[in-house]
Amino acid sequence: KKRVTGVRVIDAHSREMTEYFARIVFLNASALNTNL
């Protein structure tokens, strides 16, 4: 599709990874975390 379809998320409690999907993604994680 040549686009981002979602994000991978680690649950801070269980440490399990889940994927969430969307048509657009906004990065507002703070400057250095967004770079990371």
PDB file of all heavy atoms in Angstrom:
ATOM      1  N   LYS A   1       0.817  -1.217   0.000  1.00  0.00           N
ATOM      2  CA  LYS A   1       0.000   0.000   0.000  1.00  0.00           C
ATOM      3  C   LYS A   1       0.850   1.266   0.000  1.00  0.00           C
ATOM      4  O   LYS A   1       0.346   2.361  -0.260  1.00  0.00           O
ATOM      5  CB  LYS A   1      -0.916   0.012   1.224  1.00  0.00           C
ATOM      6  CG  LYS A   1      -1.941  -1.117   1.224  1.00  0.00           C
ATOM      7  CD  LYS A   1      -2.820  -1.062   2.476  1.00  0.00           C
ATOM      8  CE  LYS A   1      -3.855  -2.173   2.471  1.00  0.00           C
ATOM      9  NZ  LYS A   1      -4.691  -2.153   3.709  1.00  0.00           N
ATOM     10  N   LYS A   2       2.119   1.107   0.301  1.00  0.00           N
ATOM     11  CA  LYS A   2       3.062   2.227   0.355  1.00  0.00           C
ATOM     12  C   LYS A   2       2.604   3.310   1.332  1.00  0.00           C
ATOM     13  O   LYS A   2       2.622   4.501   1.028  1.00  0.00           O
ATOM     14  CB  LYS A   2       3.297   2.817  -1.047  1.00  0.00           C
ATOM     15  CG  LYS A   2       3.909   1.827  -2.017  1.00  0.00           C
ATOM     16  CD  LYS A   2       4.151   2.451  -3.373  1.00  0.00           C
ATOM     17  CE  LYS A   2       4.789   1.441  -4.324  1.00  0.00           C
ATOM     18  NZ  LYS A   2       5.023   2.002  -5.683  1.00  0.00           N
ATOM     19  N   ARG A   3       2.240   2.869   2.512  1.00  0.00           N
ATOM     20  CA  ARG A   3       1.773   3.780   3.546  1.00  0.00           C
ATOM     21  C   ARG A   3       1.880   3.101   4.898  1.00  0.00           C
ATOM     22  O   ARG A   3       1.993   1.864   4.980  1.00  0.00           O
ATOM     23  CB  ARG A   3       0.331   4.207   3.292  1.00  0.00           C
ATOM     24  CG  ARG A   3      -0.643   3.024   3.208  1.00  0.00           C
ATOM     25  CD  ARG A   3      -2.045   3.438   2.777  1.00  0.00           C
ATOM     26  NE  ARG A   3      -2.770   4.197   3.775  1.00  0.00           N
ATOM     27  CZ  ARG A   3      -3.237   5.432   3.599  1.00  0.00           C
ATOM     28  NH1 ARG A   3      -3.020   6.068   2.448  1.00  0.00           N
ATOM     29  NH2 ARG A   3      -3.913   6.063   4.539  1.00  0.00           N
ATOM     30  N   VAL A   4       1.834   3.868   5.924  1.00  0.00           N
ATOM     31  CA  VAL A   4       1.777   3.312   7.277  1.00  0.00           C
ATOM     32  C   VAL A   4       0.342   2.894   7.553  1.00  0.00           C
ATOM     33  O   VAL A   4      -0.604   3.640   7.283  1.00  0.00           O
ATOM     34  CB  VAL A   4       2.265   4.344   8.308  1.00  0.00           C
ATOM     35  CG1 VAL A   4       1.806   3.987   9.709  1.00  0.00           C
ATOM     36  CG2 VAL A   4       3.790   4.435   8.280  1.00  0.00           C
ATOM     37  N   THR A   5       0.195   1.714   8.087  1.00  0.00           N
ATOM     38  CA  THR A   5      -1.154   1.206   8.373  1.00  0.00           C
ATOM     39  C   THR A   5      -1.474   1.157   9.864  1.00  0.00           C
ATOM     40  O   THR A   5      -2.627   0.942  10.235  1.00  0.00           O
ATOM     41  CB  THR A   5      -1.327  -0.205   7.785  1.00  0.00           C
ATOM     42  OG1 THR A   5      -0.290  -1.063   8.296  1.00  0.00           O
ATOM     43  CG2 THR A   5      -1.254  -0.161   6.263  1.00  0.00           C
ATOM     44  N   GLY A   6      -0.459   1.328  10.705  1.00  0.00           N
ATOM     45  CA  GLY A   6      -0.728   1.264  12.140  1.00  0.00           C
ATOM     46  C   GLY A   6       0.541   1.349  12.952  1.00  0.00           C
ATOM     47  O   GLY A   6       1.603   1.763  12.456  1.00  0.00           O
ATOM     48  N   VAL A   7       0.431   0.925  14.218  1.00  0.00           N
ATOM     49  CA  VAL A   7       1.566   0.982  15.137  1.00  0.00           C
ATOM     50  C   VAL A   7       1.623  -0.293  15.966  1.00  0.00           C
ATOM     51  O   VAL A   7       0.605  -0.963  16.184  1.00  0.00           O
ATOM     52  CB  VAL A   7       1.467   2.205  16.075  1.00  0.00           C
ATOM     53  CG1 VAL A   7       1.471   3.497  15.297  1.00  0.00           C
ATOM     54  CG2 VAL A   7       0.233   2.130  16.968  1.00  0.00           C
ATOM     55  N   ARG A   8       2.818  -0.616  16.432  1.00  0.00           N
ATOM     56  CA  ARG A   8       3.022  -1.730  17.352  1.00  0.00           C
ATOM     57  C   ARG A   8       3.157  -1.166  18.761  1.00  0.00           C
ATOM     58  O   ARG A   8       3.957  -0.249  18.984  1.00  0.00           O
ATOM     59  CB  ARG A   8       4.273  -2.522  16.985  1.00  0.00           C
ATOM     60  CG  ARG A   8       4.244  -3.071  15.558  1.00  0.00           C
ATOM     61  CD  ARG A   8       5.549  -3.787  15.216  1.00  0.00           C
ATOM     62  NE  ARG A   8       5.581  -4.190  13.818  1.00  0.00           N
ATOM     63  CZ  ARG A   8       6.098  -3.444  12.830  1.00  0.00           C
ATOM     64  NH1 ARG A   8       6.629  -2.259  13.119  1.00  0.00           N
ATOM     65  NH2 ARG A   8       6.076  -3.871  11.592  1.00  0.00           N
ATOM     66  N   VAL A   9       2.391  -1.733  19.691  1.00  0.00           N
ATOM     67  CA  VAL A   9       2.342  -1.204  21.045  1.00  0.00           C
ATOM     68  C   VAL A   9       2.663  -2.296  22.060  1.00  0.00           C
ATOM     69  O   VAL A   9       2.096  -3.397  21.997  1.00  0.00           O
ATOM     70  CB  VAL A   9       0.949  -0.603  21.350  1.00  0.00           C
ATOM     71  CG1 VAL A   9       0.854  -0.185  22.812  1.00  0.00           C
ATOM     72  CG2 VAL A   9       0.667   0.579  20.438  1.00  0.00           C
ATOM     73  N   ILE A  10       3.566  -1.974  22.988  1.00  0.00           N
ATOM     74  CA  ILE A  10       3.882  -2.882  24.083  1.00  0.00           C
ATOM     75  C   ILE A  10       3.073  -2.459  25.301  1.00  0.00           C
ATOM     76  O   ILE A  10       3.144  -1.310  25.728  1.00  0.00           O
ATOM     77  CB  ILE A  10       5.381  -2.853  24.409  1.00  0.00           C
ATOM     78  CG1 ILE A  10       6.202  -3.264  23.183  1.00  0.00           C
ATOM     79  CG2 ILE A  10       5.697  -3.763  25.596  1.00  0.00           C
ATOM     80  CD1 ILE A  10       7.696  -3.020  23.339  1.00  0.00           C
ATOM     81  N   ASP A  11       2.290  -3.389  25.841  1.00  0.00           N
ATOM     82  CA  ASP A  11       1.532  -3.105  27.048  1.00  0.00           C
ATOM     83  C   ASP A  11       2.503  -3.007  28.226  1.00  0.00           C
ATOM     84  O   ASP A  11       3.278  -3.927  28.483  1.00  0.00           O
ATOM     85  CB  ASP A  11       0.503  -4.203  27.298  1.00  0.00           C
ATOM     86  CG  ASP A  11      -0.408  -3.898  28.467  1.00  0.00           C
ATOM     87  OD1 ASP A  11       0.051  -4.042  29.609  1.00  0.00           O
ATOM     88  OD2 ASP A  11      -1.564  -3.511  28.236  1.00  0.00           O
ATOM     89  N   ALA A  12       2.471  -1.878  28.942  1.00  0.00           N
ATOM     90  CA  ALA A  12       3.437  -1.641  30.014  1.00  0.00           C
ATOM     91  C   ALA A  12       3.289  -2.621  31.170  1.00  0.00           C
ATOM     92  O   ALA A  12       4.241  -2.836  31.935  1.00  0.00           O
ATOM     93  CB  ALA A  12       3.295  -0.207  30.527  1.00  0.00           C
ATOM     94  N   HIS A  13       2.108  -3.229  31.327  1.00  0.00           N
ATOM     95  CA  HIS A  13       1.891  -4.187  32.416  1.00  0.00           C
ATOM     96  C   HIS A  13       2.258  -5.609  31.998  1.00  0.00           C
ATOM     97  O   HIS A  13       3.036  -6.288  32.666  1.00  0.00           O
ATOM     98  CB  HIS A  13       0.437  -4.145  32.871  1.00  0.00           C
ATOM     99  CG  HIS A  13       0.055  -2.874  33.555  1.00  0.00           C
ATOM    100  ND1 HIS A  13       0.773  -2.336  34.596  1.00  0.00           N
ATOM    101  CD2 HIS A  13      -0.976  -2.017  33.335  1.00  0.00           C
ATOM    102  CE1 HIS A  13       0.203  -1.212  35.001  1.00  0.00           C
ATOM    103  NE2 HIS A  13      -0.864  -0.995  34.259  1.00  0.00           N
ATOM    104  N   SER A  14       1.692  -6.059  30.886  1.00  0.00           N
ATOM    105  CA  SER A  14       1.868  -7.452  30.479  1.00  0.00           C
ATOM    106  C   SER A  14       3.097  -7.682  29.612  1.00  0.00           C
ATOM    107  O   SER A  14       3.534  -8.816  29.444  1.00  0.00           O
ATOM    108  CB  SER A  14       0.635  -7.929  29.711  1.00  0.00           C
ATOM    109  OG  SER A  14       0.552  -7.253  28.457  1.00  0.00           O
ATOM    110  N   ARG A  15       3.645  -6.602  29.036  1.00  0.00           N
ATOM    111  CA  ARG A  15       4.781  -6.674  28.107  1.00  0.00           C
ATOM    112  C   ARG A  15       4.414  -7.345  26.780  1.00  0.00           C
ATOM    113  O   ARG A  15       5.308  -7.654  25.985  1.00  0.00           O
ATOM    114  CB  ARG A  15       5.985  -7.383  28.745  1.00  0.00           C
ATOM    115  CG  ARG A  15       6.486  -6.776  30.052  1.00  0.00           C
ATOM    116  CD  ARG A  15       6.930  -5.332  29.859  1.00  0.00           C
ATOM    117  NE  ARG A  15       7.365  -4.702  31.087  1.00  0.00           N
ATOM    118  CZ  ARG A  15       8.641  -4.557  31.443  1.00  0.00           C
ATOM    119  NH1 ARG A  15       9.585  -5.010  30.659  1.00  0.00           N
ATOM    120  NH2 ARG A  15       8.963  -3.961  32.580  1.00  0.00           N
ATOM    121  N   GLU A  16       3.145  -7.577  26.539  1.00  0.00           N
ATOM    122  CA  GLU A  16       2.723  -8.158  25.261  1.00  0.00           C
ATOM    123  C   GLU A  16       2.571  -7.059  24.220  1.00  0.00           C
ATOM    124  O   GLU A  16       2.232  -5.920  24.539  1.00  0.00           O
ATOM    125  CB  GLU A  16       1.409  -8.912  25.431  1.00  0.00           C
ATOM    126  CG  GLU A  16       1.511 -10.142  26.320  1.00  0.00           C
ATOM    127  CD  GLU A  16       0.236 -10.941  26.333  1.00  0.00           C
ATOM    128  OE1 GLU A  16      -0.330 -11.153  25.247  1.00  0.00           O
ATOM    129  OE2 GLU A  16      -0.214 -11.330  27.420  1.00  0.00           O
ATOM    130  N   MET A  17       2.808  -7.439  22.964  1.00  0.00           N
ATOM    131  CA  MET A  17       2.720  -6.476  21.879  1.00  0.00           C
ATOM    132  C   MET A  17       1.401  -6.641  21.122  1.00  0.00           C
ATOM    133  O   MET A  17       0.972  -7.749  20.826  1.00  0.00           O
ATOM    134  CB  MET A  17       3.900  -6.617  20.905  1.00  0.00           C
ATOM    135  CG  MET A  17       3.935  -5.544  19.815  1.00  0.00           C
ATOM    136  SD  MET A  17       5.364  -5.692  18.706  1.00  0.00           S
ATOM    137  CE  MET A  17       6.694  -5.185  19.806  1.00  0.00           C
ATOM    138  N   THR A  18       0.757  -5.511  20.824  1.00  0.00           N
ATOM    139  CA  THR A  18      -0.496  -5.492  20.081  1.00  0.00           C
ATOM    140  C   THR A  18      -0.361  -4.482  18.951  1.00  0.00           C
ATOM    141  O   THR A  18       0.329  -3.466  19.102  1.00  0.00           O
ATOM    142  CB  THR A  18      -1.677  -5.099  20.985  1.00  0.00           C
ATOM    143  OG1 THR A  18      -1.726  -5.982  22.107  1.00  0.00           O
ATOM    144  CG2 THR A  18      -2.999  -5.162  20.241  1.00  0.00           C
ATOM    145  N   GLU A  19      -1.020  -4.750  17.850  1.00  0.00           N
ATOM    146  CA  GLU A  19      -1.005  -3.808  16.728  1.00  0.00           C
ATOM    147  C   GLU A  19      -2.329  -3.062  16.658  1.00  0.00           C
ATOM    148  O   GLU A  19      -3.402  -3.656  16.820  1.00  0.00           O
ATOM    149  CB  GLU A  19      -0.736  -4.552  15.418  1.00  0.00           C
ATOM    150  CG  GLU A  19       0.650  -5.186  15.368  1.00  0.00           C
ATOM    151  CD  GLU A  19       0.919  -5.908  14.052  1.00  0.00           C
ATOM    152  OE1 GLU A  19      -0.038  -6.087  13.253  1.00  0.00           O
ATOM    153  OE2 GLU A  19       2.083  -6.295  13.816  1.00  0.00           O
ATOM    154  N   TYR A  20      -2.248  -1.748  16.423  1.00  0.00           N
ATOM    155  CA  TYR A  20      -3.424  -0.907  16.225  1.00  0.00           C
ATOM    156  C   TYR A  20      -3.308  -0.257  14.856  1.00  0.00           C
ATOM    157  O   TYR A  20      -2.196   0.046  14.396  1.00  0.00           O
ATOM    158  CB  TYR A  20      -3.526   0.155  17.324  1.00  0.00           C
ATOM    159  CG  TYR A  20      -3.740  -0.452  18.687  1.00  0.00           C
ATOM    160  CD1 TYR A  20      -2.656  -0.758  19.506  1.00  0.00           C
ATOM    161  CD2 TYR A  20      -5.017  -0.759  19.135  1.00  0.00           C
ATOM    162  CE1 TYR A  20      -2.834  -1.346  20.753  1.00  0.00           C
ATOM    163  CE2 TYR A  20      -5.215  -1.349  20.380  1.00  0.00           C
ATOM    164  CZ  TYR A  20      -4.116  -1.636  21.180  1.00  0.00           C
ATOM    165  OH  TYR A  20      -4.307  -2.227  22.406  1.00  0.00           O
ATOM    166  N   PHE A  21      -4.454  -0.043  14.233  1.00  0.00           N
ATOM    167  CA  PHE A  21      -4.450   0.379  12.837  1.00  0.00           C
ATOM    168  C   PHE A  21      -5.233   1.671  12.642  1.00  0.00           C
ATOM    169  O   PHE A  21      -6.207   1.948  13.353  1.00  0.00           O
ATOM    170  CB  PHE A  21      -5.038  -0.732  11.964  1.00  0.00           C
ATOM    171  CG  PHE A  21      -4.333  -2.050  12.118  1.00  0.00           C
ATOM    172  CD1 PHE A  21      -4.811  -3.016  12.991  1.00  0.00           C
ATOM    173  CD2 PHE A  21      -3.159  -2.312  11.429  1.00  0.00           C
ATOM    174  CE1 PHE A  21      -4.155  -4.229  13.161  1.00  0.00           C
ATOM    175  CE2 PHE A  21      -2.492  -3.510  11.597  1.00  0.00           C
ATOM    176  CZ  PHE A  21      -2.988  -4.483  12.451  1.00  0.00           C
ATOM    177  N   ALA A  22      -4.799   2.463  11.673  1.00  0.00           N
ATOM    178  CA  ALA A  22      -5.487   3.713  11.363  1.00  0.00           C
ATOM    179  C   ALA A  22      -5.049   4.199   9.990  1.00  0.00           C
ATOM    180  O   ALA A  22      -4.021   3.764   9.449  1.00  0.00           O
ATOM    181  CB  ALA A  22      -5.189   4.775  12.414  1.00  0.00           C
ATOM    182  N   ARG A  23      -5.822   5.129   9.467  1.00  0.00           N
ATOM    183  CA  ARG A  23      -5.509   5.683   8.149  1.00  0.00           C
ATOM    184  C   ARG A  23      -4.461   6.782   8.217  1.00  0.00           C
ATOM    185  O   ARG A  23      -3.732   7.031   7.257  1.00  0.00           O
ATOM    186  CB  ARG A  23      -6.791   6.208   7.506  1.00  0.00           C
ATOM    187  CG  ARG A  23      -7.825   5.093   7.256  1.00  0.00           C
ATOM    188  CD  ARG A  23      -9.222   5.657   7.081  1.00  0.00           C
ATOM    189  NE  ARG A  23      -9.377   6.398   5.831  1.00  0.00           N
ATOM    190  CZ  ARG A  23     -10.456   7.122   5.520  1.00  0.00           C
ATOM    191  NH1 ARG A  23     -11.457   7.201   6.387  1.00  0.00           N
ATOM    192  NH2 ARG A  23     -10.516   7.765   4.378  1.00  0.00           N
ATOM    193  N   ILE A  24      -4.389   7.460   9.351  1.00  0.00           N
ATOM    194  CA  ILE A  24      -3.348   8.465   9.550  1.00  0.00           C
ATOM    195  C   ILE A  24      -2.765   8.318  10.951  1.00  0.00           C
ATOM    196  O   ILE A  24      -3.443   7.860  11.877  1.00  0.00           O
ATOM    197  CB  ILE A  24      -3.861   9.908   9.355  1.00  0.00           C
ATOM    198  CG1 ILE A  24      -5.042  10.203  10.273  1.00  0.00           C
ATOM    199  CG2 ILE A  24      -4.232  10.171   7.904  1.00  0.00           C
ATOM    200  CD1 ILE A  24      -5.508  11.653  10.228  1.00  0.00           C
ATOM    201  N   VAL A  25      -1.517   8.733  11.093  1.00  0.00           N
ATOM    202  CA  VAL A  25      -0.833   8.670  12.384  1.00  0.00           C
ATOM    203  C   VAL A  25      -0.182  10.023  12.659  1.00  0.00           C
ATOM    204  O   VAL A  25       0.506  10.579  11.790  1.00  0.00           O
ATOM    205  CB  VAL A  25       0.240   7.568  12.421  1.00  0.00           C
ATOM    206  CG1 VAL A  25       1.010   7.604  13.742  1.00  0.00           C
ATOM    207  CG2 VAL A  25      -0.394   6.195  12.209  1.00  0.00           C
ATOM    208  N   PHE A  26      -0.407  10.557  13.853  1.00  0.00           N
ATOM    209  CA  PHE A  26       0.264  11.774  14.312  1.00  0.00           C
ATOM    210  C   PHE A  26       1.289  11.397  15.372  1.00  0.00           C
ATOM    211  O   PHE A  26       0.951  10.735  16.360  1.00  0.00           O
ATOM    212  CB  PHE A  26      -0.758  12.756  14.900  1.00  0.00           C
ATOM    213  CG  PHE A  26      -1.315  13.733  13.894  1.00  0.00           C
ATOM    214  CD1 PHE A  26      -2.142  13.294  12.872  1.00  0.00           C
ATOM    215  CD2 PHE A  26      -1.000  15.075  13.960  1.00  0.00           C
ATOM    216  CE1 PHE A  26      -2.653  14.184  11.934  1.00  0.00           C
ATOM    217  CE2 PHE A  26      -1.500  15.979  13.030  1.00  0.00           C
ATOM    218  CZ  PHE A  26      -2.335  15.536  12.012  1.00  0.00           C
ATOM    219  N   LEU A  27       2.527  11.848  15.166  1.00  0.00           N
ATOM    220  CA  LEU A  27       3.580  11.617  16.151  1.00  0.00           C
ATOM    221  C   LEU A  27       3.737  12.861  17.011  1.00  0.00           C
ATOM    222  O   LEU A  27       4.138  13.926  16.530  1.00  0.00           O
ATOM    223  CB  LEU A  27       4.907  11.286  15.468  1.00  0.00           C
ATOM    224  CG  LEU A  27       5.130   9.787  15.207  1.00  0.00           C
ATOM    225  CD1 LEU A  27       4.315   9.345  14.000  1.00  0.00           C
ATOM    226  CD2 LEU A  27       6.606   9.474  14.994  1.00  0.00           C
ATOM    227  N   ASN A  28       3.424  12.704  18.288  1.00  0.00           N
ATOM    228  CA  ASN A  28       3.517  13.783  19.282  1.00  0.00           C
ATOM    229  C   ASN A  28       4.119  13.245  20.570  1.00  0.00           C
ATOM    230  O   ASN A  28       3.669  13.566  21.674  1.00  0.00           O
ATOM    231  CB  ASN A  28       2.132  14.375  19.549  1.00  0.00           C
ATOM    232  CG  ASN A  28       1.466  14.875  18.284  1.00  0.00           C
ATOM    233  OD1 ASN A  28       0.608  14.195  17.706  1.00  0.00           O
ATOM    234  ND2 ASN A  28       1.850  16.048  17.843  1.00  0.00           N
ATOM    235  N   ALA A  29       5.132  12.424  20.425  1.00  0.00           N
ATOM    236  CA  ALA A  29       5.722  11.693  21.550  1.00  0.00           C
ATOM    237  C   ALA A  29       6.785  12.490  22.290  1.00  0.00           C
ATOM    238  O   ALA A  29       7.358  11.993  23.244  1.00  0.00           O
ATOM    239  CB  ALA A  29       6.315  10.374  21.049  1.00  0.00           C
ATOM    240  N   SER A  30       7.031  13.712  21.891  1.00  0.00           N
ATOM    241  CA  SER A  30       8.109  14.634  22.281  1.00  0.00           C
ATOM    242  C   SER A  30       9.273  14.415  21.313  1.00  0.00           C
ATOM    243  O   SER A  30       9.447  13.330  20.746  1.00  0.00           O
ATOM    244  CB  SER A  30       8.558  14.502  23.737  1.00  0.00           C
ATOM    245  OG  SER A  30       9.425  13.418  23.923  1.00  0.00           O
ATOM    246  N   ALA A  31      10.064  15.453  21.128  1.00  0.00           N
ATOM    247  CA  ALA A  31      11.005  15.496  20.006  1.00  0.00           C
ATOM    248  C   ALA A  31      11.898  14.265  19.886  1.00  0.00           C
ATOM    249  O   ALA A  31      11.971  13.628  18.835  1.00  0.00           O
ATOM    250  CB  ALA A  31      11.859  16.761  20.117  1.00  0.00           C
ATOM    251  N   LEU A  32      12.588  13.917  20.959  1.00  0.00           N
ATOM    252  CA  LEU A  32      13.563  12.830  20.837  1.00  0.00           C
ATOM    253  C   LEU A  32      12.884  11.470  20.752  1.00  0.00           C
ATOM    254  O   LEU A  32      13.370  10.573  20.053  1.00  0.00           O
ATOM    255  CB  LEU A  32      14.555  12.871  21.996  1.00  0.00           C
ATOM    256  CG  LEU A  32      15.399  14.145  22.097  1.00  0.00           C
ATOM    257  CD1 LEU A  32      16.544  13.945  23.076  1.00  0.00           C
ATOM    258  CD2 LEU A  32      15.929  14.587  20.736  1.00  0.00           C
ATOM    259  N   ASN A  33      11.772  11.283  21.453  1.00  0.00           N
ATOM    260  CA  ASN A  33      11.054  10.013  21.323  1.00  0.00           C
ATOM    261  C   ASN A  33      10.448   9.844  19.931  1.00  0.00           C
ATOM    262  O   ASN A  33      10.358   8.725  19.424  1.00  0.00           O
ATOM    263  CB  ASN A  33       9.969   9.907  22.394  1.00  0.00           C
ATOM    264  CG  ASN A  33      10.442   9.177  23.630  1.00  0.00           C
ATOM    265  OD1 ASN A  33      11.228   8.249  23.548  1.00  0.00           O
ATOM    266  ND2 ASN A  33       9.975   9.603  24.793  1.00  0.00           N
ATOM    267  N   THR A  34      10.014  10.942  19.318  1.00  0.00           N
ATOM    268  CA  THR A  34       9.510  10.850  17.951  1.00  0.00           C
ATOM    269  C   THR A  34      10.626  10.443  17.002  1.00  0.00           C
ATOM    270  O   THR A  34      10.433   9.610  16.108  1.00  0.00           O
ATOM    271  CB  THR A  34       8.878  12.187  17.532  1.00  0.00           C
ATOM    272  OG1 THR A  34       7.621  12.338  18.213  1.00  0.00           O
ATOM    273  CG2 THR A  34       8.634  12.247  16.033  1.00  0.00           C
ATOM    274  N   ASN A  35      11.817  11.017  17.191  1.00  0.00           N
ATOM    275  CA  ASN A  35      12.969  10.580  16.394  1.00  0.00           C
ATOM    276  C   ASN A  35      13.231   9.093  16.605  1.00  0.00           C
ATOM    277  O   ASN A  35      13.454   8.345  15.646  1.00  0.00           O
ATOM    278  CB  ASN A  35      14.210  11.385  16.800  1.00  0.00           C
ATOM    279  CG  ASN A  35      14.333  12.709  16.078  1.00  0.00           C
ATOM    280  OD1 ASN A  35      14.903  12.788  14.994  1.00  0.00           O
ATOM    281  ND2 ASN A  35      13.796  13.761  16.687  1.00  0.00           N
ATOM    282  N   LEU A  36      13.197   8.666  17.873  1.00  0.00           N
ATOM    283  CA  LEU A  36      13.454   7.256  18.192  1.00  0.00           C
ATOM    284  C   LEU A  36      12.462   6.342  17.490  1.00  0.00           C
ATOM    285  O   LEU A  36      12.837   5.316  16.900  1.00  0.00           O
ATOM    286  CB  LEU A  36      13.414   7.067  19.713  1.00  0.00           C
ATOM    287  CG  LEU A  36      13.853   5.734  20.306  1.00  0.00           C
ATOM    288  CD1 LEU A  36      14.230   5.915  21.767  1.00  0.00           C
ATOM    289  CD2 LEU A  36      12.797   4.656  20.198  1.00  0.00           C
TER     290      LEU A  36
END
